[in-house]
Structure formats: C-alpha cells, structure tokens
C-alpha atoms as a PDB file:
ATOM      1  CA  MET A   1     -12.688   7.383  -5.729  1.00  0.00           C
ATOM      2  CA  LYS A   2     -10.937   6.437  -2.608  1.00  0.00           C
ATOM      3  CA  ILE A   3      -7.041   5.488  -2.284  1.00  0.00           C
ATOM      4  CA  GLU A   4      -6.608   3.437   0.999  1.00  0.00           C
ATOM      5  CA  LEU A   5      -3.124   1.561   2.358  1.00  0.00           C
ATOM      6  CA  ILE A   6      -4.061  -1.312   4.020  1.00  0.00           C
ATOM      7  CA  VAL A   7      -1.232  -2.663   6.436  1.00  0.00           C
ATOM      8  CA  ILE A   8      -0.772  -5.552   8.893  1.00  0.00           C
ATOM      9  CA  GLY A   9       0.333  -4.458  12.325  1.00  0.00           C
ATOM     10  CA  LYS A  10       1.370  -0.809  13.745  1.00  0.00           C
ATOM     11  CA  THR A  11       3.661   1.108  12.947  1.00  0.00           C
ATOM     12  CA  ALA A  12       5.604   0.871  16.355  1.00  0.00           C
ATOM     13  CA  SER A  13       8.398   3.418  15.461  1.00  0.00           C
ATOM     14  CA  ARG A  14       7.148   6.388  16.667  1.00  0.00           C
ATOM     15  CA  TYR A  15       9.625   8.541  14.143  1.00  0.00           C
ATOM     16  CA  LEU A  16       8.470   6.363  11.242  1.00  0.00           C
ATOM     17  CA  GLN A  17       4.900   6.765  12.419  1.00  0.00           C
ATOM     18  CA  GLU A  18       5.399  10.808  12.204  1.00  0.00           C
ATOM     19  CA  GLY A  19       6.461  10.698   8.771  1.00  0.00           C
ATOM     20  CA  ILE A  20       3.254   8.570   7.748  1.00  0.00           C
ATOM     21  CA  ASP A  21       0.822  10.854   9.290  1.00  0.00           C
ATOM     22  CA  ASN A  22       2.591  14.153   7.606  1.00  0.00           C
ATOM     23  CA  TYR A  23       1.678  12.291   4.505  1.00  0.00           C
ATOM     24  CA  VAL A  24      -1.728  10.958   5.139  1.00  0.00           C
ATOM     25  CA  LYS A  25      -2.754  14.553   6.247  1.00  0.00           C
ATOM     26  CA  ARG A  26      -0.835  15.843   3.139  1.00  0.00           C
ATOM     27  CA  ILE A  27      -2.554  13.500   0.889  1.00  0.00           C
ATOM     28  CA  GLY A  28      -5.654  14.485   1.800  1.00  0.00           C
ATOM     29  CA  HIS A  29      -5.995  17.468   0.589  1.00  0.00           C
ATOM     30  CA  TYR A  30      -5.871  16.069  -3.119  1.00  0.00           C
ATOM     31  CA  VAL A  31      -7.740  12.794  -2.329  1.00  0.00           C
ATOM     32  CA  PRO A  32      -9.671  10.893   0.460  1.00  0.00           C
ATOM     33  CA  PHE A  33      -7.028   8.474   1.508  1.00  0.00           C
ATOM     34  CA  SER A  34      -6.865   6.422   4.822  1.00  0.00           C
ATOM     35  CA  VAL A  35      -4.487   3.452   6.179  1.00  0.00           C
ATOM     36  CA  THR A  36      -6.349   0.691   7.680  1.00  0.00           C
ATOM     37  CA  HIS A  37      -4.506  -1.498  10.015  1.00  0.00           C
ATOM     38  CA  LEU A  38      -5.064  -5.089  10.218  1.00  0.00           C
ATOM     39  CA  PRO A  39      -4.119  -6.830  13.287  1.00  0.00           C
ATOM     40  CA  ASP A  40      -0.951  -8.479  13.401  1.00  0.00           C
ATOM     41  CA  VAL A  41      -1.572 -12.872  13.658  1.00  0.00           C
ATOM     42  CA  LYS A  42       0.134 -13.900  16.462  1.00  0.00           C
ATOM     43  CA  ALA A  43       3.069 -16.505  15.414  1.00  0.00           C
ATOM     44  CA  SER A  44       3.557 -19.404  17.712  1.00  0.00           C
ATOM     45  CA  LYS A  45       5.648 -22.200  17.306  1.00  0.00           C
ATOM     46  CA  SER A  46       2.760 -24.123  16.131  1.00  0.00           C
ATOM     47  CA  LEU A  47       2.151 -21.942  13.003  1.00  0.00           C
ATOM     48  CA  THR A  48       4.361 -22.226   9.612  1.00  0.00           C
ATOM     49  CA  GLU A  49       5.308 -19.028   7.516  1.00  0.00           C
ATOM     50  CA  GLU A  50       2.741 -20.307   5.374  1.00  0.00           C
ATOM     51  CA  ARG A  51      -0.463 -20.588   7.400  1.00  0.00           C
ATOM     52  CA  GLN A  52       0.386 -17.387   8.786  1.00  0.00           C
ATOM     53  CA  LYS A  53       0.305 -15.942   5.225  1.00  0.00           C
ATOM     54  CA  GLU A  54      -3.422 -17.467   4.982  1.00  0.00           C
ATOM     55  CA  MET A  55      -4.511 -16.532   8.136  1.00  0.00           C
ATOM     56  CA  GLU A  56      -3.300 -12.692   7.213  1.00  0.00           C
ATOM     57  CA  GLY A  57      -4.658 -13.181   3.779  1.00  0.00           C
ATOM     58  CA  GLU A  58      -8.304 -14.148   4.816  1.00  0.00           C
ATOM     59  CA  MET A  59      -8.143 -10.832   6.993  1.00  0.00           C
ATOM     60  CA  VAL A  60      -7.205  -8.988   4.002  1.00  0.00           C
ATOM     61  CA  LEU A  61      -9.714 -10.558   1.700  1.00  0.00           C
ATOM     62  CA  ALA A  62     -12.686 -10.150   4.215  1.00  0.00           C
ATOM     63  CA  SER A  63     -11.608  -6.413   4.333  1.00  0.00           C
ATOM     64  CA  LEU A  64     -12.319  -5.929   0.468  1.00  0.00           C
ATOM     65  CA  GLN A  65     -15.121  -4.854  -0.733  1.00  0.00           C
ATOM     66  CA  PRO A  66     -17.243  -5.466  -4.496  1.00  0.00           C
ATOM     67  CA  GLY A  67     -15.391  -3.383  -6.742  1.00  0.00           C
ATOM     68  CA  ASP A  68     -11.790  -2.729  -4.850  1.00  0.00           C
ATOM     69  CA  PHE A  69      -9.176  -2.331  -7.372  1.00  0.00           C
ATOM     70  CA  LEU A  70      -6.067  -4.509  -5.224  1.00  0.00           C
ATOM     71  CA  VAL A  71      -2.480  -3.281  -5.813  1.00  0.00           C
ATOM     72  CA  LEU A  72       0.025  -5.274  -3.945  1.00  0.00           C
ATOM     73  CA  LEU A  73       3.099  -3.850  -3.286  1.00  0.00           C
ATOM     74  CA  ASP A  74       5.429  -6.671  -3.790  1.00  0.00           C
ATOM     75  CA  GLU A  75       9.094  -6.987  -4.950  1.00  0.00           C
ATOM     76  CA  ARG A  76       8.329  -8.974  -8.256  1.00  0.00           C
ATOM     77  CA  GLY A  77       5.845  -6.097  -9.237  1.00  0.00           C
ATOM     78  CA  LYS A  78       6.289  -3.184 -11.943  1.00  0.00           C
ATOM     79  CA  GLU A  79       8.411  -0.713 -11.101  1.00  0.00           C
ATOM     80  CA  PHE A  80       7.911   3.094 -11.785  1.00  0.00           C
ATOM     81  CA  THR A  81       9.495   6.307 -11.405  1.00  0.00           C
ATOM     82  CA  SER A  82       7.524   9.204  -9.597  1.00  0.00           C
ATOM     83  CA  ARG A  83       6.118  10.096 -12.791  1.00  0.00           C
ATOM     84  CA  GLU A  84       5.006   6.965 -14.034  1.00  0.00           C
ATOM     85  CA  PHE A  85       3.657   6.243 -11.202  1.00  0.00           C
ATOM     86  CA  ALA A  86       1.691   9.719 -10.828  1.00  0.00           C
ATOM     87  CA  ALA A  87       0.660   8.557 -14.138  1.00  0.00           C
ATOM     88  CA  PHE A  88      -0.789   5.224 -12.963  1.00  0.00           C
ATOM     89  CA  ILE A  89      -2.735   6.975 -10.158  1.00  0.00           C
ATOM     90  CA  ASP A  90      -4.277   9.483 -12.434  1.00  0.00           C
ATOM     91  CA  LYS A  91      -5.062   6.458 -14.565  1.00  0.00           C
ATOM     92  CA  LYS A  92      -6.786   4.651 -11.961  1.00  0.00           C
ATOM     93  CA  MET A  93      -8.368   7.942 -10.629  1.00  0.00           C
ATOM     94  CA  VAL A  94     -10.690   7.810 -13.834  1.00  0.00           C
ATOM     95  CA  THR A  95     -11.038   4.000 -14.280  1.00  0.00           C
ATOM     96  CA  VAL A  96     -11.308   2.694 -10.264  1.00  0.00           C
ATOM     97  CA  ALA A  97     -14.912   3.136  -9.677  1.00  0.00           C
ATOM     98  CA  LYS A  98     -15.105   2.822  -5.545  1.00  0.00           C
ATOM     99  CA  ARG A  99     -11.253   2.676  -3.594  1.00  0.00           C
ATOM    100  CA  LEU A 100      -8.184   1.789  -4.853  1.00  0.00           C
ATOM    101  CA  ILE A 101      -6.331  -0.330  -2.636  1.00  0.00           C
ATOM    102  CA  PHE A 102      -2.649  -0.312  -1.727  1.00  0.00           C
ATOM    103  CA  LEU A 103      -1.558  -3.698   0.137  1.00  0.00           C
ATOM    104  CA  VAL A 104       1.615  -3.994   2.008  1.00  0.00           C
ATOM    105  CA  GLY A 105       1.501  -7.856   3.301  1.00  0.00           C
ATOM    106  CA  GLY A 106       2.975  -9.013   6.725  1.00  0.00           C
ATOM    107  CA  PRO A 107       6.978 -10.538   7.193  1.00  0.00           C
ATOM    108  CA  TYR A 108       6.303 -13.472   4.811  1.00  0.00           C
ATOM    109  CA  GLY A 109       4.611 -12.077   1.995  1.00  0.00           C
ATOM    110  CA  PHE A 110       1.590 -12.872   0.491  1.00  0.00           C
ATOM    111  CA  SER A 111      -0.834 -15.875   0.463  1.00  0.00           C
ATOM    112  CA  LYS A 112      -2.084 -17.451  -2.990  1.00  0.00           C
ATOM    113  CA  ALA A 113      -5.243 -16.276  -2.201  1.00  0.00           C
ATOM    114  CA  VAL A 114      -4.072 -12.653  -2.166  1.00  0.00           C
ATOM    115  CA  TYR A 115      -2.101 -12.829  -5.077  1.00  0.00           C
ATOM    116  CA  ASN A 116      -4.776 -14.539  -7.300  1.00  0.00           C
ATOM    117  CA  ARG A 117      -7.259 -11.741  -6.011  1.00  0.00           C
ATOM    118  CA  ALA A 118      -4.939  -9.072  -6.585  1.00  0.00           C
ATOM    119  CA  ASP A 119      -5.336  -6.781  -9.864  1.00  0.00           C
ATOM    120  CA  ASP A 120      -1.870  -5.370 -10.486  1.00  0.00           C
ATOM    121  CA  LYS A 121       1.704  -5.408  -8.296  1.00  0.00           C
ATOM    122  CA  ILE A 122       3.972  -2.565  -7.721  1.00  0.00           C
ATOM    123  CA  SER A 123       7.129  -2.495  -6.414  1.00  0.00           C
ATOM    124  CA  LEU A 124       8.954   0.618  -4.955  1.00  0.00           C
ATOM    125  CA  SER A 125      12.527  -0.785  -5.174  1.00  0.00           C
ATOM    126  CA  LYS A 126      14.367  -3.849  -6.020  1.00  0.00           C
ATOM    127  CA  MET A 127      15.994  -3.283  -2.453  1.00  0.00           C
ATOM    128  CA  THR A 128      14.099  -4.832   0.497  1.00  0.00           C
ATOM    129  CA  PHE A 129      12.952  -2.683   3.046  1.00  0.00           C
ATOM    130  CA  SER A 130      11.360  -3.066   6.416  1.00  0.00           C
ATOM    131  CA  HIS A 131       7.111  -3.212   6.234  1.00  0.00           C
ATOM    132  CA  GLU A 132       6.975  -0.033   8.349  1.00  0.00           C
ATOM    133  CA  MET A 133       9.472   2.088   6.074  1.00  0.00           C
ATOM    134  CA  VAL A 134       7.566   1.008   2.974  1.00  0.00           C
ATOM    135  CA  ARG A 135       4.698   2.481   4.626  1.00  0.00           C
ATOM    136  CA  LEU A 136       6.268   5.890   4.940  1.00  0.00           C
ATOM    137  CA  PHE A 137       8.076   5.421   1.464  1.00  0.00           C
ATOM    138  CA  PHE A 138       4.629   4.715  -0.350  1.00  0.00           C
ATOM    139  CA  THR A 139       2.825   7.706   1.431  1.00  0.00           C
ATOM    140  CA  GLU A 140       5.518   9.851   0.584  1.00  0.00           C
ATOM    141  CA  GLN A 141       5.426   8.254  -3.149  1.00  0.00           C
ATOM    142  CA  LEU A 142       1.620   8.832  -3.426  1.00  0.00           C
ATOM    143  CA  TYR A 143       2.029  12.612  -2.145  1.00  0.00           C
ATOM    144  CA  ARG A 144       4.554  12.779  -4.495  1.00  0.00           C
ATOM    145  CA  ALA A 145       2.355  11.758  -7.309  1.00  0.00           C
ATOM    146  CA  MET A 146      -0.267  14.317  -6.052  1.00  0.00           C
ATOM    147  CA  THR A 147       1.889  16.896  -6.383  1.00  0.00           C
ATOM    148  CA  ILE A 148       3.172  16.223  -9.941  1.00  0.00           C
ATOM    149  CA  LEU A 149      -0.694  15.890 -11.249  1.00  0.00           C
ATOM    150  CA  ARG A 150      -0.874  19.115 -10.196  1.00  0.00           C
ATOM    151  CA  GLY A 151       1.895  20.595 -11.403  1.00  0.00           C
ATOM    152  CA  GLU A 152       2.841  21.573  -8.026  1.00  0.00           C
ATOM    153  CA  PRO A 153       6.699  22.082  -7.006  1.00  0.00           C
ATOM    154  CA  TYR A 154       7.492  19.163  -4.756  1.00  0.00           C
ATOM    155  CA  HIS A 155       9.172  16.981  -7.536  1.00  0.00           C
ATOM    156  CA  HIS A 156      12.215  17.873  -9.529  1.00  0.00           C
ATOM    157  CA  ASP A 157      13.359  15.968 -12.135  1.00  0.00           C
END
C-alpha cells in the first residue's frame, strides 16, 4: 500500500516546504509516501467560489484510481489523538489494497462531487489553519503515527 497526500497548488513558504520535505523523507523509511501537487485554478472575477471548487474537484477526481481510499482533511471530519490516528493508519495499511489518499482542498474547500467520492473525513483541529500549514501538520502527524506503530521514542504521552 502507498500513502499519498494530494494538495492544490504549490507551497509558497520556503520554511514550510523545508519542514514538509523533512517529514516526507522520514515517512519514506516506513511506507511509500508522496505528495502530489495539482495546479491552482486561476481565479478570475468571472469564477464563483462554487465553480472554483467544482474545477478543483474535477482535477482531484481525475487523479484518483480505482481502489483508492480517499480521506478528506476537513474541518467537519473526525478528530483523533495522535495514538488514535496511528491506529487509523494501521488499520488502513491492512485494509486498503492500493493507495490511501489524503486530500487538502483549495481555499474554498471541496466540491459536492469530492464529498460524495470521499471514503472518510478527518480533522486535524477545530481551529482553522492555512492550507500550507495543514500540509506540514499532516506530514508531521503521519510521521508521528509511523513512530508510534513501531514503538519508537518520538511520541511522548
């Protein structure tokens, strides 16, 4: 099984990208992992927020393969402790045949089509973070989950 994080647009903040790259490299020691950047939808005054979400959603859905398990990183999703998230990952590593996909949406969230396709939703916090920060927080939590599953000393209760 492979884990993939799909994001809309590039990470502009260099310090965040350096942190993400650090965790991506670390995660790779435990499981095949990659980050896929889909291009930003160029917003114009003629595009409504709903249309922008639809266009981003079309790109996301086109990037999925049959058998992918899609998890939205969504403020209305389930919240986990780090240990609970590790257990979630452990279960998915056994039950998901091909790719476990986590998705960070665009600035306006997800289209209805993406919500309909999603297999699960999780929330990193009740707080709102920038999409770039979510990328860093998610990769750190995935790395933490891997160390918890291996019994390594990174996580402290």
